[in-house]
Amino acid sequence: MHDCPSCKVPLHGYETECPACGAPQRVTKAQSKLFGSELKKPATNYTPFIVIFVVVVGLVAVMAQTSWIGQLISRGPVKEDPLAKMTFQEARTLIDTKLNEGFTAAGCKGTLKWQRDDKEVDKLSAGPINLSVDADLPAPEQHKAIVDPIKDYMDKAQITSLVFNDTKDPKTHRNWTYTVAPAAADGSGTGPAGGPAPAQ
C-alpha cells in the first residue's frame, strides 16, 4: 500500500488513478499481475452438469421402455388376422381346395357333400352348414393330415360339423366327427369357445 502523492489518500497499489483526486498513479508490474489474476473469474466446472444430463436421459429411456409408448414402439407393426376379412364363401372355397389337396397327398380319392337339415345344398349358400367327407384312405390315420389344415377355417365357413368317412373298408364303418361350437358360445360373437373338437 502507498499514499497518493497529491492528496495523501491511502491506496492499495494497483489503482491507476487516485479515487479521491484523480491523479495518475504509478503501478508496478508485479502488483498489476497479482491483482489482475485475483480479479479473474474462476473457470466453470461443467462435469456435474454432464453427469446430471446423462442420468436424466437414462431415466427417461428406462421409463419410456416400460410405458405404453415404449411397448408400442418395441412391439412393431401389428399383424392383421388373415381370417378377419375372410367371408364364409371364401373360407368354404379354401376348405374345398385344401381337402382335395389332402386327398392327392394321401393318394386317395374323396368327395365332399355340403348339407343342411340332411339335404345337400350349394357350397356357397348362406347359413350354417354341415360337411360330409368320404375318402378311401390307404391308412386310417391319414385322415388327420387331411383335416388338420382346415380346422382353423371351419368356424369362419360356418361349418357346424364335419364327418369324415373312411370308405376303404365299408365293413368297419370307420368315421371321425369334428364339431364347432356356435360363434356366440363364448359371448363375443367372434368365434367358437374351444375351436374344432374331434369326437368319435
C-alpha atoms as a PDB file:
ATOM      1  CA  MET A   1       0.000   0.000   0.000  1.00  0.00           C
ATOM      2  CA  HIS A   2       1.040   3.620  -0.505  1.00  0.00           C
ATOM      3  CA  ASP A   3      -0.378   7.143  -0.264  1.00  0.00           C
ATOM      4  CA  CYS A   4      -1.376   9.281  -3.214  1.00  0.00           C
ATOM      5  CA  PRO A   5       1.450  11.797  -3.791  1.00  0.00           C
ATOM      6  CA  SER A   6      -1.088  14.545  -4.408  1.00  0.00           C
ATOM      7  CA  CYS A   7      -3.735  14.151  -1.704  1.00  0.00           C
ATOM      8  CA  LYS A   8      -2.084  11.570   0.587  1.00  0.00           C
ATOM      9  CA  VAL A   9      -5.112   9.234   0.445  1.00  0.00           C
ATOM     10  CA  PRO A  10      -4.071   5.653   1.254  1.00  0.00           C
ATOM     11  CA  LEU A  11      -4.076   3.455  -1.859  1.00  0.00           C
ATOM     12  CA  HIS A  12      -3.669  -0.299  -2.348  1.00  0.00           C
ATOM     13  CA  GLY A  13      -1.051  -0.015  -5.012  1.00  0.00           C
ATOM     14  CA  TYR A  14      -2.919  -1.315  -8.056  1.00  0.00           C
ATOM     15  CA  GLU A  15      -5.040   1.816  -8.751  1.00  0.00           C
ATOM     16  CA  THR A  16      -4.105   3.590 -11.983  1.00  0.00           C
ATOM     17  CA  GLU A  17      -5.833   6.743 -10.743  1.00  0.00           C
ATOM     18  CA  CYS A  18      -6.490   8.108  -7.262  1.00  0.00           C
ATOM     19  CA  PRO A  19     -10.173   7.714  -6.473  1.00  0.00           C
ATOM     20  CA  ALA A  20     -10.080  10.903  -4.373  1.00  0.00           C
ATOM     21  CA  CYS A  21      -8.260  13.431  -6.561  1.00  0.00           C
ATOM     22  CA  GLY A  22      -7.948  11.599  -9.891  1.00  0.00           C
ATOM     23  CA  ALA A  23      -4.179  11.956 -10.009  1.00  0.00           C
ATOM     24  CA  PRO A  24      -2.495   9.248 -12.108  1.00  0.00           C
ATOM     25  CA  GLN A  25      -0.708   6.614 -10.038  1.00  0.00           C
ATOM     26  CA  ARG A  26       2.282   4.514 -10.683  1.00  0.00           C
ATOM     27  CA  VAL A  27       1.522   0.745 -10.642  1.00  0.00           C
ATOM     28  CA  THR A  28       4.291  -1.798 -10.535  1.00  0.00           C
ATOM     29  CA  LYS A  29       4.208  -4.764 -12.930  1.00  0.00           C
ATOM     30  CA  ALA A  30       4.176  -7.333 -10.104  1.00  0.00           C
ATOM     31  CA  GLN A  31       1.171  -5.728  -8.423  1.00  0.00           C
ATOM     32  CA  SER A  32      -0.708  -5.494 -11.732  1.00  0.00           C
ATOM     33  CA  LYS A  33      -0.253  -9.211 -12.455  1.00  0.00           C
ATOM     34  CA  LEU A  34      -1.111 -10.246  -8.915  1.00  0.00           C
ATOM     35  CA  PHE A  35      -4.333  -8.301  -8.612  1.00  0.00           C
ATOM     36  CA  GLY A  36      -5.284  -8.932 -12.228  1.00  0.00           C
ATOM     37  CA  SER A  37      -5.270 -12.695 -11.645  1.00  0.00           C
ATOM     38  CA  GLU A  38      -7.288 -12.275  -8.471  1.00  0.00           C
ATOM     39  CA  LEU A  39      -9.990 -10.336 -10.295  1.00  0.00           C
ATOM     40  CA  LYS A  40     -10.290 -13.005 -12.987  1.00  0.00           C
ATOM     41  CA  LYS A  41     -13.446 -15.163 -12.743  1.00  0.00           C
ATOM     42  CA  PRO A  42     -12.815 -18.833 -11.976  1.00  0.00           C
ATOM     43  CA  ALA A  43     -13.468 -21.301 -14.836  1.00  0.00           C
ATOM     44  CA  THR A  44     -16.871 -23.064 -14.695  1.00  0.00           C
ATOM     45  CA  ASN A  45     -16.770 -26.835 -13.990  1.00  0.00           C
ATOM     46  CA  TYR A  46     -19.245 -28.497 -16.374  1.00  0.00           C
ATOM     47  CA  THR A  47     -18.703 -32.080 -15.114  1.00  0.00           C
ATOM     48  CA  PRO A  48     -21.649 -32.125 -12.645  1.00  0.00           C
ATOM     49  CA  PHE A  49     -23.993 -30.809 -15.340  1.00  0.00           C
ATOM     50  CA  ILE A  50     -22.874 -33.512 -17.796  1.00  0.00           C
ATOM     51  CA  VAL A  51     -23.352 -36.252 -15.181  1.00  0.00           C
ATOM     52  CA  ILE A  52     -26.851 -34.996 -14.305  1.00  0.00           C
ATOM     53  CA  PHE A  53     -27.786 -34.806 -18.007  1.00  0.00           C
ATOM     54  CA  VAL A  54     -26.642 -38.397 -18.636  1.00  0.00           C
ATOM     55  CA  VAL A  55     -28.571 -39.670 -15.586  1.00  0.00           C
ATOM     56  CA  VAL A  56     -31.758 -37.840 -16.647  1.00  0.00           C
ATOM     57  CA  VAL A  57     -31.515 -39.203 -20.215  1.00  0.00           C
ATOM     58  CA  GLY A  58     -31.015 -42.728 -18.841  1.00  0.00           C
ATOM     59  CA  LEU A  59     -34.061 -42.439 -16.560  1.00  0.00           C
ATOM     60  CA  VAL A  60     -36.208 -41.114 -19.416  1.00  0.00           C
ATOM     61  CA  ALA A  61     -35.103 -44.024 -21.655  1.00  0.00           C
ATOM     62  CA  VAL A  62     -35.951 -46.627 -18.969  1.00  0.00           C
ATOM     63  CA  MET A  63     -39.335 -45.043 -18.255  1.00  0.00           C
ATOM     64  CA  ALA A  64     -40.127 -44.856 -21.978  1.00  0.00           C
ATOM     65  CA  GLN A  65     -39.484 -48.594 -22.401  1.00  0.00           C
ATOM     66  CA  THR A  66     -41.851 -49.510 -19.567  1.00  0.00           C
ATOM     67  CA  SER A  67     -44.570 -47.095 -20.666  1.00  0.00           C
ATOM     68  CA  TRP A  68     -47.250 -47.917 -23.230  1.00  0.00           C
ATOM     69  CA  ILE A  69     -45.432 -45.775 -25.807  1.00  0.00           C
ATOM     70  CA  GLY A  70     -42.226 -47.783 -25.372  1.00  0.00           C
ATOM     71  CA  GLN A  71     -44.098 -51.061 -25.578  1.00  0.00           C
ATOM     72  CA  LEU A  72     -45.863 -49.876 -28.718  1.00  0.00           C
ATOM     73  CA  ILE A  73     -42.539 -48.967 -30.344  1.00  0.00           C
ATOM     74  CA  SER A  74     -40.818 -52.223 -29.343  1.00  0.00           C
ATOM     75  CA  ARG A  75     -43.795 -54.331 -30.395  1.00  0.00           C
ATOM     76  CA  GLY A  76     -43.549 -53.224 -34.021  1.00  0.00           C
ATOM     77  CA  PRO A  77     -46.366 -53.309 -36.530  1.00  0.00           C
ATOM     78  CA  VAL A  78     -49.437 -55.314 -35.545  1.00  0.00           C
ATOM     79  CA  LYS A  79     -50.039 -58.283 -37.791  1.00  0.00           C
ATOM     80  CA  GLU A  80     -53.549 -58.429 -39.128  1.00  0.00           C
ATOM     81  CA  ASP A  81     -55.513 -61.641 -38.673  1.00  0.00           C
ATOM     82  CA  PRO A  82     -55.900 -63.182 -42.169  1.00  0.00           C
ATOM     83  CA  LEU A  83     -59.302 -64.571 -41.140  1.00  0.00           C
ATOM     84  CA  ALA A  84     -60.682 -61.184 -40.050  1.00  0.00           C
ATOM     85  CA  LYS A  85     -61.734 -60.066 -43.536  1.00  0.00           C
ATOM     86  CA  MET A  86     -62.450 -63.514 -44.955  1.00  0.00           C
ATOM     87  CA  THR A  87     -66.068 -64.227 -45.931  1.00  0.00           C
ATOM     88  CA  PHE A  88     -67.759 -67.578 -45.297  1.00  0.00           C
ATOM     89  CA  GLN A  89     -67.793 -68.207 -49.077  1.00  0.00           C
ATOM     90  CA  GLU A  90     -64.024 -67.682 -49.276  1.00  0.00           C
ATOM     91  CA  ALA A  91     -63.498 -69.929 -46.251  1.00  0.00           C
ATOM     92  CA  ARG A  92     -65.593 -72.732 -47.783  1.00  0.00           C
ATOM     93  CA  THR A  93     -63.788 -72.475 -51.105  1.00  0.00           C
ATOM     94  CA  LEU A  94     -60.448 -72.645 -49.275  1.00  0.00           C
ATOM     95  CA  ILE A  95     -61.600 -75.697 -47.287  1.00  0.00           C
ATOM     96  CA  ASP A  96     -62.702 -77.401 -50.514  1.00  0.00           C
ATOM     97  CA  THR A  97     -59.297 -76.723 -52.081  1.00  0.00           C
ATOM     98  CA  LYS A  98     -57.283 -77.867 -49.051  1.00  0.00           C
ATOM     99  CA  LEU A  99     -59.281 -81.099 -48.645  1.00  0.00           C
ATOM    100  CA  ASN A 100     -58.720 -82.010 -52.298  1.00  0.00           C
ATOM    101  CA  GLU A 101     -55.026 -81.242 -51.880  1.00  0.00           C
ATOM    102  CA  GLY A 102     -55.044 -83.562 -48.868  1.00  0.00           C
ATOM    103  CA  PHE A 103     -56.659 -86.370 -50.885  1.00  0.00           C
ATOM    104  CA  THR A 104     -53.968 -86.032 -53.552  1.00  0.00           C
ATOM    105  CA  ALA A 105     -51.157 -86.017 -50.964  1.00  0.00           C
ATOM    106  CA  ALA A 106     -52.592 -89.135 -49.279  1.00  0.00           C
ATOM    107  CA  GLY A 107     -53.003 -90.901 -52.601  1.00  0.00           C
ATOM    108  CA  CYS A 108     -56.747 -91.415 -52.299  1.00  0.00           C
ATOM    109  CA  LYS A 109     -59.990 -90.229 -53.830  1.00  0.00           C
ATOM    110  CA  GLY A 110     -62.511 -88.206 -51.875  1.00  0.00           C
ATOM    111  CA  THR A 111     -65.865 -86.498 -52.248  1.00  0.00           C
ATOM    112  CA  LEU A 112     -67.468 -83.636 -50.340  1.00  0.00           C
ATOM    113  CA  LYS A 113     -71.136 -83.156 -49.530  1.00  0.00           C
ATOM    114  CA  TRP A 114     -72.372 -79.813 -48.218  1.00  0.00           C
ATOM    115  CA  GLN A 115     -75.590 -80.412 -46.275  1.00  0.00           C
ATOM    116  CA  ARG A 116     -78.186 -78.591 -44.242  1.00  0.00           C
ATOM    117  CA  ASP A 117     -81.016 -80.439 -42.460  1.00  0.00           C
ATOM    118  CA  ASP A 118     -79.806 -83.701 -44.057  1.00  0.00           C
ATOM    119  CA  LYS A 119     -80.265 -82.229 -47.533  1.00  0.00           C
ATOM    120  CA  GLU A 120     -77.458 -81.494 -49.958  1.00  0.00           C
ATOM    121  CA  VAL A 121     -77.124 -77.749 -50.648  1.00  0.00           C
ATOM    122  CA  ASP A 122     -74.882 -75.445 -52.614  1.00  0.00           C
ATOM    123  CA  LYS A 123     -71.469 -74.957 -51.046  1.00  0.00           C
ATOM    124  CA  LEU A 124     -71.827 -71.149 -51.104  1.00  0.00           C
ATOM    125  CA  SER A 125     -75.360 -70.971 -49.674  1.00  0.00           C
ATOM    126  CA  ALA A 126     -75.771 -68.700 -46.645  1.00  0.00           C
ATOM    127  CA  GLY A 127     -76.215 -70.074 -43.136  1.00  0.00           C
ATOM    128  CA  PRO A 128     -74.669 -72.827 -41.007  1.00  0.00           C
ATOM    129  CA  ILE A 129     -73.757 -75.945 -42.918  1.00  0.00           C
ATOM    130  CA  ASN A 130     -72.552 -79.498 -42.331  1.00  0.00           C
ATOM    131  CA  LEU A 131     -69.799 -81.127 -44.351  1.00  0.00           C
ATOM    132  CA  SER A 132     -69.583 -84.836 -45.084  1.00  0.00           C
ATOM    133  CA  VAL A 133     -66.289 -86.176 -46.422  1.00  0.00           C
ATOM    134  CA  ASP A 134     -65.906 -89.637 -47.990  1.00  0.00           C
ATOM    135  CA  ALA A 135     -62.422 -90.934 -48.797  1.00  0.00           C
ATOM    136  CA  ASP A 136     -60.851 -94.333 -49.446  1.00  0.00           C
ATOM    137  CA  LEU A 137     -57.908 -93.840 -47.114  1.00  0.00           C
ATOM    138  CA  PRO A 138     -54.842 -96.075 -47.635  1.00  0.00           C
ATOM    139  CA  ALA A 139     -54.365 -95.880 -43.844  1.00  0.00           C
ATOM    140  CA  PRO A 140     -56.945 -94.719 -41.243  1.00  0.00           C
ATOM    141  CA  GLU A 141     -54.541 -92.312 -39.504  1.00  0.00           C
ATOM    142  CA  GLN A 142     -54.194 -90.278 -42.708  1.00  0.00           C
ATOM    143  CA  HIS A 143     -57.500 -88.525 -42.019  1.00  0.00           C
ATOM    144  CA  LYS A 144     -55.679 -86.252 -39.540  1.00  0.00           C
ATOM    145  CA  ALA A 145     -53.268 -84.925 -42.180  1.00  0.00           C
ATOM    146  CA  ILE A 146     -56.244 -84.153 -44.433  1.00  0.00           C
ATOM    147  CA  VAL A 147     -58.489 -82.483 -41.820  1.00  0.00           C
ATOM    148  CA  ASP A 148     -55.951 -80.628 -39.630  1.00  0.00           C
ATOM    149  CA  PRO A 149     -55.126 -77.902 -42.212  1.00  0.00           C
ATOM    150  CA  ILE A 150     -58.799 -76.839 -42.457  1.00  0.00           C
ATOM    151  CA  LYS A 151     -59.779 -76.792 -38.774  1.00  0.00           C
ATOM    152  CA  ASP A 152     -58.987 -73.095 -38.294  1.00  0.00           C
ATOM    153  CA  TYR A 153     -61.344 -72.154 -41.145  1.00  0.00           C
ATOM    154  CA  MET A 154     -64.368 -74.192 -40.060  1.00  0.00           C
ATOM    155  CA  ASP A 155     -65.872 -71.520 -37.812  1.00  0.00           C
ATOM    156  CA  LYS A 156     -65.372 -68.816 -40.443  1.00  0.00           C
ATOM    157  CA  ALA A 157     -67.027 -71.092 -43.010  1.00  0.00           C
ATOM    158  CA  GLN A 158     -69.981 -71.612 -40.628  1.00  0.00           C
ATOM    159  CA  ILE A 159     -69.427 -75.371 -40.660  1.00  0.00           C
ATOM    160  CA  THR A 160     -71.044 -76.726 -37.511  1.00  0.00           C
ATOM    161  CA  SER A 161     -69.866 -80.305 -38.054  1.00  0.00           C
ATOM    162  CA  LEU A 162     -67.590 -82.286 -40.326  1.00  0.00           C
ATOM    163  CA  VAL A 163     -67.982 -86.073 -40.625  1.00  0.00           C
ATOM    164  CA  PHE A 164     -65.071 -87.893 -42.225  1.00  0.00           C
ATOM    165  CA  ASN A 165     -65.978 -91.379 -43.510  1.00  0.00           C
ATOM    166  CA  ASP A 166     -63.337 -93.940 -44.442  1.00  0.00           C
ATOM    167  CA  THR A 167     -64.760 -95.836 -47.435  1.00  0.00           C
ATOM    168  CA  LYS A 168     -61.724 -98.072 -47.947  1.00  0.00           C
ATOM    169  CA  ASP A 169     -63.389-100.874 -45.995  1.00  0.00           C
ATOM    170  CA  PRO A 170     -67.176-100.315 -45.756  1.00  0.00           C
ATOM    171  CA  LYS A 171     -67.474-103.162 -43.236  1.00  0.00           C
ATOM    172  CA  THR A 172     -65.664-101.212 -40.499  1.00  0.00           C
ATOM    173  CA  HIS A 173     -67.828 -98.067 -40.882  1.00  0.00           C
ATOM    174  CA  ARG A 174     -64.854 -96.089 -39.628  1.00  0.00           C
ATOM    175  CA  ASN A 175     -65.580 -92.367 -39.300  1.00  0.00           C
ATOM    176  CA  TRP A 176     -64.485 -89.262 -37.371  1.00  0.00           C
ATOM    177  CA  THR A 177     -66.640 -86.291 -36.391  1.00  0.00           C
ATOM    178  CA  TYR A 178     -65.384 -82.736 -35.873  1.00  0.00           C
ATOM    179  CA  THR A 179     -67.731 -80.140 -34.372  1.00  0.00           C
ATOM    180  CA  VAL A 180     -67.552 -76.379 -33.985  1.00  0.00           C
ATOM    181  CA  ALA A 181     -69.393 -74.565 -31.184  1.00  0.00           C
ATOM    182  CA  PRO A 182     -71.680 -71.718 -32.332  1.00  0.00           C
ATOM    183  CA  ALA A 183     -69.909 -68.363 -32.643  1.00  0.00           C
ATOM    184  CA  ALA A 184     -71.965 -66.795 -29.814  1.00  0.00           C
ATOM    185  CA  ALA A 185     -70.997 -69.507 -27.332  1.00  0.00           C
ATOM    186  CA  ASP A 186     -68.050 -67.501 -25.978  1.00  0.00           C
ATOM    187  CA  GLY A 187     -70.088 -64.322 -25.569  1.00  0.00           C
ATOM    188  CA  SER A 188     -68.009 -62.325 -28.043  1.00  0.00           C
ATOM    189  CA  GLY A 189     -69.646 -63.372 -31.286  1.00  0.00           C
ATOM    190  CA  THR A 190     -66.224 -63.676 -32.893  1.00  0.00           C
ATOM    191  CA  GLY A 191     -65.514 -67.386 -32.769  1.00  0.00           C
ATOM    192  CA  PRO A 192     -66.005 -70.717 -31.038  1.00  0.00           C
ATOM    193  CA  ALA A 193     -65.239 -71.119 -27.381  1.00  0.00           C
ATOM    194  CA  GLY A 194     -62.930 -74.073 -27.885  1.00  0.00           C
ATOM    195  CA  GLY A 195     -62.407 -74.408 -31.622  1.00  0.00           C
ATOM    196  CA  PRO A 196     -62.987 -77.591 -33.612  1.00  0.00           C
ATOM    197  CA  ALA A 197     -63.157 -80.535 -31.262  1.00  0.00           C
ATOM    198  CA  PRO A 198     -62.750 -84.054 -32.672  1.00  0.00           C
ATOM    199  CA  ALA A 199     -65.124 -86.700 -31.391  1.00  0.00           C
ATOM    200  CA  GLN A 200     -65.874 -90.268 -32.410  1.00  0.00           C
END
